Amino acid sequence: MSGSNRNPSQINPNIQEIAFVLFSEIRQLIDAAKQRAAFALNAEITLLYWQVGDRYM
């Protein structure tokens, strides 16, 4: 029952800090995935144009 004696104002900053760190890490993962996807897309588009040019030029 010692946990019930905690002051909610002491708990919230810890939860907020953990949530901030968690969301920051998730955001970094999303940004990294976007960069990898953009790189892969650019590589595929370049390859497509190269193949089209090679075939018809």
C-alpha atoms as a PDB file:
ATOM      1  CA  MET A   1       0.000   0.000   0.000  1.00  0.00           C
ATOM      2  CA  SER A   2       2.978   2.300   0.056  1.00  0.00           C
ATOM      3  CA  GLY A   3       2.367   3.007  -3.641  1.00  0.00           C
ATOM      4  CA  SER A   4      -0.981   4.585  -2.849  1.00  0.00           C
ATOM      5  CA  ASN A   5       0.778   7.236  -0.746  1.00  0.00           C
ATOM      6  CA  ARG A   6       2.498   8.707  -3.797  1.00  0.00           C
ATOM      7  CA  ASN A   7       1.675  12.214  -4.774  1.00  0.00           C
ATOM      8  CA  PRO A   8       0.296  12.279  -8.375  1.00  0.00           C
ATOM      9  CA  SER A   9       2.405  15.353  -9.149  1.00  0.00           C
ATOM     10  CA  GLN A  10       5.514  13.250  -8.484  1.00  0.00           C
ATOM     11  CA  ILE A  11       4.365  10.478 -10.823  1.00  0.00           C
ATOM     12  CA  ASN A  12       3.317  12.623 -13.798  1.00  0.00           C
ATOM     13  CA  PRO A  13       6.750  14.136 -14.578  1.00  0.00           C
ATOM     14  CA  ASN A  14       8.268  10.647 -14.700  1.00  0.00           C
ATOM     15  CA  ILE A  15       5.512   9.382 -16.981  1.00  0.00           C
ATOM     16  CA  GLN A  16       5.809  12.476 -19.143  1.00  0.00           C
ATOM     17  CA  GLU A  17       9.575  12.054 -19.407  1.00  0.00           C
ATOM     18  CA  ILE A  18       9.270   8.364 -20.294  1.00  0.00           C
ATOM     19  CA  ALA A  19       6.568   9.140 -22.862  1.00  0.00           C
ATOM     20  CA  PHE A  20       8.691  11.915 -24.371  1.00  0.00           C
ATOM     21  CA  VAL A  21      11.689   9.591 -24.708  1.00  0.00           C
ATOM     22  CA  LEU A  22       9.528   6.809 -26.126  1.00  0.00           C
ATOM     23  CA  PHE A  23       7.873   9.055 -28.711  1.00  0.00           C
ATOM     24  CA  SER A  24      11.231  10.589 -29.622  1.00  0.00           C
ATOM     25  CA  GLU A  25      12.655   7.141 -30.289  1.00  0.00           C
ATOM     26  CA  ILE A  26       9.598   6.149 -32.319  1.00  0.00           C
ATOM     27  CA  ARG A  27       9.879   9.366 -34.315  1.00  0.00           C
ATOM     28  CA  GLN A  28      13.535   8.599 -35.061  1.00  0.00           C
ATOM     29  CA  LEU A  29      12.563   5.120 -36.266  1.00  0.00           C
ATOM     30  CA  ILE A  30       9.870   6.574 -38.522  1.00  0.00           C
ATOM     31  CA  ASP A  31      12.255   9.192 -39.942  1.00  0.00           C
ATOM     32  CA  ALA A  32      14.926   6.559 -40.611  1.00  0.00           C
ATOM     33  CA  ALA A  33      12.368   4.328 -42.345  1.00  0.00           C
ATOM     34  CA  LYS A  34      11.215   7.256 -44.491  1.00  0.00           C
ATOM     35  CA  GLN A  35      14.796   7.960 -45.524  1.00  0.00           C
ATOM     36  CA  ARG A  36      15.397   4.320 -46.443  1.00  0.00           C
ATOM     37  CA  ALA A  37      12.141   4.211 -48.406  1.00  0.00           C
ATOM     38  CA  ALA A  38      12.992   7.401 -50.289  1.00  0.00           C
ATOM     39  CA  PHE A  39      16.459   6.066 -51.112  1.00  0.00           C
ATOM     40  CA  ALA A  40      15.022   2.762 -52.360  1.00  0.00           C
ATOM     41  CA  LEU A  41      12.373   4.556 -54.412  1.00  0.00           C
ATOM     42  CA  ASN A  42      14.943   6.864 -56.010  1.00  0.00           C
ATOM     43  CA  ALA A  43      17.143   3.885 -56.859  1.00  0.00           C
ATOM     44  CA  GLU A  44      14.223   2.043 -58.476  1.00  0.00           C
ATOM     45  CA  ILE A  45      13.101   5.095 -60.467  1.00  0.00           C
ATOM     46  CA  THR A  46      16.661   5.644 -61.689  1.00  0.00           C
ATOM     47  CA  LEU A  47      16.906   1.986 -62.713  1.00  0.00           C
ATOM     48  CA  LEU A  48      13.555   2.211 -64.510  1.00  0.00           C
ATOM     49  CA  TYR A  49      14.599   5.287 -66.476  1.00  0.00           C
ATOM     50  CA  TRP A  50      17.914   3.649 -67.310  1.00  0.00           C
ATOM     51  CA  GLN A  51      16.160   0.530 -68.624  1.00  0.00           C
ATOM     52  CA  VAL A  52      13.641   2.568 -70.635  1.00  0.00           C
ATOM     53  CA  GLY A  53      16.407   4.694 -72.119  1.00  0.00           C
ATOM     54  CA  ASP A  54      18.529   1.641 -72.881  1.00  0.00           C
ATOM     55  CA  ARG A  55      15.649  -0.114 -74.605  1.00  0.00           C
ATOM     56  CA  TYR A  56      14.315   2.757 -76.685  1.00  0.00           C
ATOM     57  CA  MET A  57      17.309   4.970 -77.336  1.00  0.00           C
END
